[in-house]
Amino acid sequence: MATIYLIPNVLIVDASLNTITQQVVEIIQTLDVYFVENTKNARRYLKRLGILKPIDELQFFDLNIQTQEEVIRQYAKNISKNNWNVGIISESGCPAIADPGSILVRFAHEFKITIKPLVGPNSILLALMASGMNGQSFAFNGYLPIDKLKRAVELKHFEEKAIQTGQSQVFIETPYRNNSLLRDCLLNLKDKTRLCVALNLTMPNEWIASRSVNDWKNSQEVDLHKKPAIFIIGI
């Protein structure tokens, strides 16, 4: 039976491979077909993992935000028809979590393809684990609007949801806009609301702080610029 393996990647390019399990290393030795966000980066990652097959003998198919759904559905159809065992590799972390790989997985279920998720690093869960906020009920909200007025509305909406339900609200930002997002959080959120910022997760310079908005305002300014970060609003 055709099988899709969801192959975790490191969270940051060139990060240590110590967050990747031996199971992942063993699985890649058995696969010849991969669906990836970026072929060059995927080939490099497989080499770092110690793949034994010649890279040039492997097949790589684009699976990114530009890939149209009808193309992805055809991918699933071909996997089923040819009884392939294939891998999906995200640019960062676990495939299909805030990642276009989820569309291929959806179509794979339609074609009765077996899905095998493999254990690996996930920045959303790592940040939540370290935040001290509600891990029983949480929501990942992706990116907030770029427009400051719309962003302010969204921040207040998530804050109100956290206050009313106790649900932790997780979101991310493009790294070069992190400092702007933090300033907007401190400007729009209530002083007693808790805010967690988790930077460079799994790296030697990993940094995680979870404190009230008021304490953030009174703390030494932190430079988040161009550093992969997770933000969490909670109580």
C-alpha atoms as a PDB file:
ATOM      1  CA  MET A   1       0.000   0.000   0.000  1.00  0.00           C
ATOM      2  CA  ALA A   2       1.219   3.526  -0.806  1.00  0.00           C
ATOM      3  CA  THR A   3       2.532   5.419   2.207  1.00  0.00           C
ATOM      4  CA  ILE A   4       3.392   9.051   2.874  1.00  0.00           C
ATOM      5  CA  TYR A   5       5.981   9.673   5.586  1.00  0.00           C
ATOM      6  CA  LEU A   6       5.874  13.100   7.226  1.00  0.00           C
ATOM      7  CA  ILE A   7       9.560  13.807   7.723  1.00  0.00           C
ATOM      8  CA  PRO A   8      10.424  16.474  10.324  1.00  0.00           C
ATOM      9  CA  ASN A   9      13.120  19.035   9.614  1.00  0.00           C
ATOM     10  CA  VAL A  10      15.228  21.108  11.987  1.00  0.00           C
ATOM     11  CA  LEU A  11      13.586  24.380  13.051  1.00  0.00           C
ATOM     12  CA  ILE A  12      16.405  26.595  11.810  1.00  0.00           C
ATOM     13  CA  VAL A  13      18.605  25.969   8.762  1.00  0.00           C
ATOM     14  CA  ASP A  14      21.946  24.418   9.736  1.00  0.00           C
ATOM     15  CA  ALA A  15      20.758  23.765  13.299  1.00  0.00           C
ATOM     16  CA  SER A  16      22.085  20.689  15.034  1.00  0.00           C
ATOM     17  CA  LEU A  17      20.500  17.412  13.967  1.00  0.00           C
ATOM     18  CA  ASN A  18      20.132  16.274  17.574  1.00  0.00           C
ATOM     19  CA  THR A  19      16.378  17.006  17.439  1.00  0.00           C
ATOM     20  CA  ILE A  20      15.911  14.531  14.577  1.00  0.00           C
ATOM     21  CA  THR A  21      15.337  10.898  15.567  1.00  0.00           C
ATOM     22  CA  GLN A  22      17.136   7.817  14.316  1.00  0.00           C
ATOM     23  CA  GLN A  23      13.799   6.616  12.937  1.00  0.00           C
ATOM     24  CA  VAL A  24      13.805   9.539  10.471  1.00  0.00           C
ATOM     25  CA  VAL A  25      17.351   8.665   9.369  1.00  0.00           C
ATOM     26  CA  GLU A  26      16.297   5.057   8.794  1.00  0.00           C
ATOM     27  CA  ILE A  27      13.131   5.955   6.862  1.00  0.00           C
ATOM     28  CA  ILE A  28      14.891   8.241   4.354  1.00  0.00           C
ATOM     29  CA  GLN A  29      17.113   5.332   3.305  1.00  0.00           C
ATOM     30  CA  THR A  30      14.011   3.564   1.957  1.00  0.00           C
ATOM     31  CA  LEU A  31      12.448   6.400  -0.071  1.00  0.00           C
ATOM     32  CA  ASP A  32      13.034   7.548  -3.645  1.00  0.00           C
ATOM     33  CA  VAL A  33      10.346  10.242  -3.987  1.00  0.00           C
ATOM     34  CA  TYR A  34       9.954  13.451  -1.983  1.00  0.00           C
ATOM     35  CA  PHE A  35       7.489  16.348  -1.955  1.00  0.00           C
ATOM     36  CA  VAL A  36       9.251  19.448  -0.688  1.00  0.00           C
ATOM     37  CA  GLU A  37       8.942  23.216  -0.309  1.00  0.00           C
ATOM     38  CA  ASN A  38      12.402  23.834  -1.736  1.00  0.00           C
ATOM     39  CA  THR A  39      14.321  21.134  -3.628  1.00  0.00           C
ATOM     40  CA  LYS A  40      17.777  22.613  -3.033  1.00  0.00           C
ATOM     41  CA  ASN A  41      17.228  22.844   0.716  1.00  0.00           C
ATOM     42  CA  ALA A  42      15.650  19.376   0.881  1.00  0.00           C
ATOM     43  CA  ARG A  43      18.585  17.788  -0.949  1.00  0.00           C
ATOM     44  CA  ARG A  44      20.983  19.508   1.413  1.00  0.00           C
ATOM     45  CA  TYR A  45      19.012  18.349   4.445  1.00  0.00           C
ATOM     46  CA  LEU A  46      18.951  14.723   3.273  1.00  0.00           C
ATOM     47  CA  LYS A  47      22.733  14.834   2.771  1.00  0.00           C
ATOM     48  CA  ARG A  48      23.143  16.163   6.320  1.00  0.00           C
ATOM     49  CA  LEU A  49      21.034  13.285   7.608  1.00  0.00           C
ATOM     50  CA  GLY A  50      23.412  10.858   5.918  1.00  0.00           C
ATOM     51  CA  ILE A  51      21.247   9.499   3.121  1.00  0.00           C
ATOM     52  CA  LEU A  52      23.073   6.659   1.373  1.00  0.00           C
ATOM     53  CA  LYS A  53      21.308   6.794  -2.000  1.00  0.00           C
ATOM     54  CA  PRO A  54      22.773   9.132  -4.632  1.00  0.00           C
ATOM     55  CA  ILE A  55      20.799  12.379  -4.409  1.00  0.00           C
ATOM     56  CA  ASP A  56      20.586  12.658  -8.201  1.00  0.00           C
ATOM     57  CA  GLU A  57      18.662   9.377  -8.341  1.00  0.00           C
ATOM     58  CA  LEU A  58      15.857  10.724  -6.147  1.00  0.00           C
ATOM     59  CA  GLN A  59      12.717  12.469  -7.435  1.00  0.00           C
ATOM     60  CA  PHE A  60      11.625  15.794  -5.964  1.00  0.00           C
ATOM     61  CA  PHE A  61       8.267  17.478  -6.531  1.00  0.00           C
ATOM     62  CA  ASP A  62       7.406  21.047  -5.521  1.00  0.00           C
ATOM     63  CA  LEU A  63       4.907  21.383  -2.690  1.00  0.00           C
ATOM     64  CA  ASN A  64       4.731  24.987  -1.549  1.00  0.00           C
ATOM     65  CA  ILE A  65       2.256  27.847  -1.303  1.00  0.00           C
ATOM     66  CA  GLN A  66       2.461  28.390  -5.067  1.00  0.00           C
ATOM     67  CA  THR A  67       1.515  24.800  -5.897  1.00  0.00           C
ATOM     68  CA  GLN A  68      -2.090  24.678  -7.101  1.00  0.00           C
ATOM     69  CA  GLU A  69      -4.538  22.329  -5.419  1.00  0.00           C
ATOM     70  CA  GLU A  70      -5.333  20.442  -8.615  1.00  0.00           C
ATOM     71  CA  VAL A  71      -1.606  19.720  -8.994  1.00  0.00           C
ATOM     72  CA  ILE A  72      -1.431  18.478  -5.406  1.00  0.00           C
ATOM     73  CA  ARG A  73      -4.460  16.269  -5.945  1.00  0.00           C
ATOM     74  CA  GLN A  74      -2.729  14.770  -8.979  1.00  0.00           C
ATOM     75  CA  TYR A  75       0.304  14.111  -6.782  1.00  0.00           C
ATOM     76  CA  ALA A  76      -1.889  12.067  -4.436  1.00  0.00           C
ATOM     77  CA  LYS A  77      -3.463  10.226  -7.361  1.00  0.00           C
ATOM     78  CA  ASN A  78      -0.025   9.315  -8.737  1.00  0.00           C
ATOM     79  CA  ILE A  79       1.209   8.150  -5.332  1.00  0.00           C
ATOM     80  CA  SER A  80      -1.798   5.849  -5.049  1.00  0.00           C
ATOM     81  CA  LYS A  81      -1.677   4.638  -8.648  1.00  0.00           C
ATOM     82  CA  ASN A  82       2.054   3.828  -8.533  1.00  0.00           C
ATOM     83  CA  ASN A  83       1.935   2.473  -4.985  1.00  0.00           C
ATOM     84  CA  TRP A  84       4.773   4.793  -4.005  1.00  0.00           C
ATOM     85  CA  ASN A  85       6.279   5.226  -0.577  1.00  0.00           C
ATOM     86  CA  VAL A  86       7.160   8.919  -0.399  1.00  0.00           C
ATOM     87  CA  GLY A  87       8.276  11.605   2.022  1.00  0.00           C
ATOM     88  CA  ILE A  88       7.055  15.139   2.671  1.00  0.00           C
ATOM     89  CA  ILE A  89       9.715  17.539   3.958  1.00  0.00           C
ATOM     90  CA  SER A  90       8.849  20.982   5.278  1.00  0.00           C
ATOM     91  CA  GLU A  91      11.319  23.856   5.296  1.00  0.00           C
ATOM     92  CA  SER A  92      11.112  23.890   9.078  1.00  0.00           C
ATOM     93  CA  GLY A  93       9.756  21.580  11.753  1.00  0.00           C
ATOM     94  CA  CYS A  94       6.939  19.118  11.198  1.00  0.00           C
ATOM     95  CA  PRO A  95       5.229  18.803   7.799  1.00  0.00           C
ATOM     96  CA  ALA A  96       1.541  19.740   7.525  1.00  0.00           C
ATOM     97  CA  ILE A  97       1.654  22.008  10.603  1.00  0.00           C
ATOM     98  CA  ALA A  98       1.369  25.589   9.309  1.00  0.00           C
ATOM     99  CA  ASP A  99       2.682  24.054   6.111  1.00  0.00           C
ATOM    100  CA  PRO A 100       1.306  23.306   2.600  1.00  0.00           C
ATOM    101  CA  GLY A 101       2.011  19.616   3.134  1.00  0.00           C
ATOM    102  CA  SER A 102      -1.374  19.417   4.852  1.00  0.00           C
ATOM    103  CA  ILE A 103      -3.116  19.726   1.465  1.00  0.00           C
ATOM    104  CA  LEU A 104      -1.345  16.660   0.095  1.00  0.00           C
ATOM    105  CA  VAL A 105      -2.185  14.763   3.276  1.00  0.00           C
ATOM    106  CA  ARG A 106      -5.860  15.733   2.863  1.00  0.00           C
ATOM    107  CA  PHE A 107      -5.962  14.381  -0.684  1.00  0.00           C
ATOM    108  CA  ALA A 108      -3.984  11.314   0.404  1.00  0.00           C
ATOM    109  CA  HIS A 109      -6.815  10.327   2.731  1.00  0.00           C
ATOM    110  CA  GLU A 110      -9.199  10.631  -0.213  1.00  0.00           C
ATOM    111  CA  PHE A 111      -7.106   8.059  -2.096  1.00  0.00           C
ATOM    112  CA  LYS A 112      -6.757   5.775   0.943  1.00  0.00           C
ATOM    113  CA  ILE A 113      -3.001   6.356   1.211  1.00  0.00           C
ATOM    114  CA  THR A 114      -1.397   5.440   4.534  1.00  0.00           C
ATOM    115  CA  ILE A 115      -0.012   8.431   6.473  1.00  0.00           C
ATOM    116  CA  LYS A 116       2.961   7.964   8.806  1.00  0.00           C
ATOM    117  CA  PRO A 117       3.807  11.028  10.939  1.00  0.00           C
ATOM    118  CA  LEU A 118       7.321  10.894  12.373  1.00  0.00           C
ATOM    119  CA  VAL A 119       8.418  12.486  15.631  1.00  0.00           C
ATOM    120  CA  GLY A 120      10.331  15.752  15.340  1.00  0.00           C
ATOM    121  CA  PRO A 121      10.644  19.350  16.578  1.00  0.00           C
ATOM    122  CA  ASN A 122       7.629  21.634  16.472  1.00  0.00           C
ATOM    123  CA  SER A 123       8.130  25.260  17.493  1.00  0.00           C
ATOM    124  CA  ILE A 124       4.459  25.803  18.374  1.00  0.00           C
ATOM    125  CA  LEU A 125       4.385  22.989  20.920  1.00  0.00           C
ATOM    126  CA  LEU A 126       7.873  23.702  22.275  1.00  0.00           C
ATOM    127  CA  ALA A 127       6.935  27.325  22.928  1.00  0.00           C
ATOM    128  CA  LEU A 128       3.639  26.358  24.529  1.00  0.00           C
ATOM    129  CA  MET A 129       5.361  23.799  26.752  1.00  0.00           C
ATOM    130  CA  ALA A 130       7.745  26.473  28.018  1.00  0.00           C
ATOM    131  CA  SER A 131       5.197  29.280  28.352  1.00  0.00           C
ATOM    132  CA  GLY A 132       3.481  28.215  31.567  1.00  0.00           C
ATOM    133  CA  MET A 133       0.161  28.920  29.850  1.00  0.00           C
ATOM    134  CA  ASN A 134      -2.797  26.647  29.191  1.00  0.00           C
ATOM    135  CA  GLY A 135      -1.642  23.604  27.240  1.00  0.00           C
ATOM    136  CA  GLN A 136      -5.023  21.909  27.614  1.00  0.00           C
ATOM    137  CA  SER A 137      -6.753  24.374  25.294  1.00  0.00           C
ATOM    138  CA  PHE A 138      -4.902  26.457  22.743  1.00  0.00           C
ATOM    139  CA  ALA A 139      -5.242  27.787  19.201  1.00  0.00           C
ATOM    140  CA  PHE A 140      -2.613  28.438  16.560  1.00  0.00           C
ATOM    141  CA  ASN A 141      -3.602  31.542  14.600  1.00  0.00           C
ATOM    142  CA  GLY A 142      -0.762  31.800  12.093  1.00  0.00           C
ATOM    143  CA  TYR A 143       0.239  35.283  10.962  1.00  0.00           C
ATOM    144  CA  LEU A 144      -1.492  38.463  12.096  1.00  0.00           C
ATOM    145  CA  PRO A 145      -2.412  41.224   9.620  1.00  0.00           C
ATOM    146  CA  ILE A 146       0.408  43.548   8.542  1.00  0.00           C
ATOM    147  CA  ASP A 147      -1.815  46.630   8.734  1.00  0.00           C
ATOM    148  CA  LYS A 148      -1.417  48.130  12.211  1.00  0.00           C
ATOM    149  CA  LEU A 149      -5.101  48.913  12.741  1.00  0.00           C
ATOM    150  CA  LYS A 150      -6.201  45.430  11.681  1.00  0.00           C
ATOM    151  CA  ARG A 151      -3.423  43.903  13.762  1.00  0.00           C
ATOM    152  CA  ALA A 152      -4.560  45.836  16.831  1.00  0.00           C
ATOM    153  CA  VAL A 153      -8.094  44.509  16.348  1.00  0.00           C
ATOM    154  CA  GLU A 154      -6.800  40.936  16.049  1.00  0.00           C
ATOM    155  CA  LEU A 155      -4.594  41.232  19.127  1.00  0.00           C
ATOM    156  CA  LYS A 156      -7.489  42.503  21.227  1.00  0.00           C
ATOM    157  CA  HIS A 157      -9.712  39.744  19.836  1.00  0.00           C
ATOM    158  CA  PHE A 158      -7.226  37.031  20.831  1.00  0.00           C
ATOM    159  CA  GLU A 159      -6.696  38.648  24.218  1.00  0.00           C
ATOM    160  CA  GLU A 160     -10.433  38.684  24.886  1.00  0.00           C
ATOM    161  CA  LYS A 161     -10.697  35.059  23.821  1.00  0.00           C
ATOM    162  CA  ALA A 162      -7.863  34.107  26.156  1.00  0.00           C
ATOM    163  CA  ILE A 163      -9.472  35.972  29.055  1.00  0.00           C
ATOM    164  CA  GLN A 164     -12.966  34.580  28.460  1.00  0.00           C
ATOM    165  CA  THR A 165     -12.039  30.956  27.704  1.00  0.00           C
ATOM    166  CA  GLY A 166      -8.568  30.516  29.197  1.00  0.00           C
ATOM    167  CA  GLN A 167      -7.416  29.293  25.783  1.00  0.00           C
ATOM    168  CA  SER A 168      -3.813  30.139  24.911  1.00  0.00           C
ATOM    169  CA  GLN A 169      -3.507  32.043  21.624  1.00  0.00           C
ATOM    170  CA  VAL A 170      -0.413  31.234  19.578  1.00  0.00           C
ATOM    171  CA  PHE A 171       0.800  33.208  16.557  1.00  0.00           C
ATOM    172  CA  ILE A 172       3.907  33.952  14.519  1.00  0.00           C
ATOM    173  CA  GLU A 173       5.403  36.723  12.428  1.00  0.00           C
ATOM    174  CA  THR A 174       7.903  37.119   9.641  1.00  0.00           C
ATOM    175  CA  PRO A 175      11.223  37.450  11.566  1.00  0.00           C
ATOM    176  CA  TYR A 176      12.067  40.922  10.270  1.00  0.00           C
ATOM    177  CA  ARG A 177       8.760  42.243  11.665  1.00  0.00           C
ATOM    178  CA  ASN A 178       9.128  40.676  15.138  1.00  0.00           C
ATOM    179  CA  ASN A 179      10.140  43.891  16.907  1.00  0.00           C
ATOM    180  CA  SER A 180       7.180  45.724  15.423  1.00  0.00           C
ATOM    181  CA  LEU A 181       4.815  42.969  16.549  1.00  0.00           C
ATOM    182  CA  LEU A 182       6.170  43.015  20.089  1.00  0.00           C
ATOM    183  CA  ARG A 183       5.665  46.792  20.249  1.00  0.00           C
ATOM    184  CA  ASP A 184       2.100  46.383  19.008  1.00  0.00           C
ATOM    185  CA  CYS A 185       1.447  43.720  21.648  1.00  0.00           C
ATOM    186  CA  LEU A 186       2.646  46.018  24.421  1.00  0.00           C
ATOM    187  CA  LEU A 187       0.644  48.910  23.000  1.00  0.00           C
ATOM    188  CA  ASN A 188      -2.658  47.060  22.600  1.00  0.00           C
ATOM    189  CA  LEU A 189      -2.792  44.379  25.287  1.00  0.00           C
ATOM    190  CA  LYS A 190      -3.846  44.894  28.895  1.00  0.00           C
ATOM    191  CA  ASP A 191      -1.121  45.135  31.528  1.00  0.00           C
ATOM    192  CA  LYS A 192      -2.213  41.948  33.310  1.00  0.00           C
ATOM    193  CA  THR A 193      -2.364  39.826  30.155  1.00  0.00           C
ATOM    194  CA  ARG A 194       0.488  37.341  29.854  1.00  0.00           C
ATOM    195  CA  LEU A 195       2.704  37.298  26.797  1.00  0.00           C
ATOM    196  CA  CYS A 196       5.273  34.649  25.948  1.00  0.00           C
ATOM    197  CA  VAL A 197       7.984  35.132  23.344  1.00  0.00           C
ATOM    198  CA  ALA A 198      10.119  32.133  22.368  1.00  0.00           C
ATOM    199  CA  LEU A 199      13.173  32.766  20.172  1.00  0.00           C
ATOM    200  CA  ASN A 200      15.552  30.464  18.304  1.00  0.00           C
ATOM    201  CA  LEU A 201      14.000  27.310  19.713  1.00  0.00           C
ATOM    202  CA  THR A 202      16.337  24.263  19.867  1.00  0.00           C
ATOM    203  CA  MET A 203      19.374  26.490  19.189  1.00  0.00           C
ATOM    204  CA  PRO A 204      22.208  27.170  21.665  1.00  0.00           C
ATOM    205  CA  ASN A 205      20.994  30.797  21.894  1.00  0.00           C
ATOM    206  CA  GLU A 206      17.383  29.773  22.565  1.00  0.00           C
ATOM    207  CA  TRP A 207      15.562  32.399  24.650  1.00  0.00           C
ATOM    208  CA  ILE A 208      12.081  32.141  26.182  1.00  0.00           C
ATOM    209  CA  ALA A 209      10.309  34.699  28.365  1.00  0.00           C
ATOM    210  CA  SER A 210       6.745  34.535  29.689  1.00  0.00           C
ATOM    211  CA  ARG A 211       5.575  37.512  31.705  1.00  0.00           C
ATOM    212  CA  SER A 212       2.777  40.045  32.071  1.00  0.00           C
ATOM    213  CA  VAL A 213       2.537  42.835  29.525  1.00  0.00           C
ATOM    214  CA  ASN A 214       3.299  45.287  32.317  1.00  0.00           C
ATOM    215  CA  ASP A 215       6.504  43.412  33.158  1.00  0.00           C
ATOM    216  CA  TRP A 216       7.439  43.382  29.476  1.00  0.00           C
ATOM    217  CA  LYS A 217       7.048  47.164  29.420  1.00  0.00           C
ATOM    218  CA  ASN A 218       9.341  47.517  32.418  1.00  0.00           C
ATOM    219  CA  SER A 219      11.971  45.058  31.236  1.00  0.00           C
ATOM    220  CA  GLN A 220      15.076  45.745  29.196  1.00  0.00           C
ATOM    221  CA  GLU A 221      14.275  45.948  25.488  1.00  0.00           C
ATOM    222  CA  VAL A 222      14.830  42.687  23.633  1.00  0.00           C
ATOM    223  CA  ASP A 223      15.963  42.570  20.017  1.00  0.00           C
ATOM    224  CA  LEU A 224      13.841  40.021  18.130  1.00  0.00           C
ATOM    225  CA  HIS A 225      14.886  41.158  14.661  1.00  0.00           C
ATOM    226  CA  LYS A 226      15.320  38.334  12.137  1.00  0.00           C
ATOM    227  CA  LYS A 227      15.079  35.651  14.820  1.00  0.00           C
ATOM    228  CA  PRO A 228      12.482  32.871  14.415  1.00  0.00           C
ATOM    229  CA  ALA A 229       9.912  33.516  17.136  1.00  0.00           C
ATOM    230  CA  ILE A 230       6.638  32.225  18.554  1.00  0.00           C
ATOM    231  CA  PHE A 231       4.255  34.563  20.396  1.00  0.00           C
ATOM    232  CA  ILE A 232       1.594  33.395  22.877  1.00  0.00           C
ATOM    233  CA  ILE A 233      -1.141  35.410  24.593  1.00  0.00           C
ATOM    234  CA  GLY A 234      -2.618  33.849  27.710  1.00  0.00           C
ATOM    235  CA  ILE A 235      -3.639  34.297  31.317  1.00  0.00           C
END
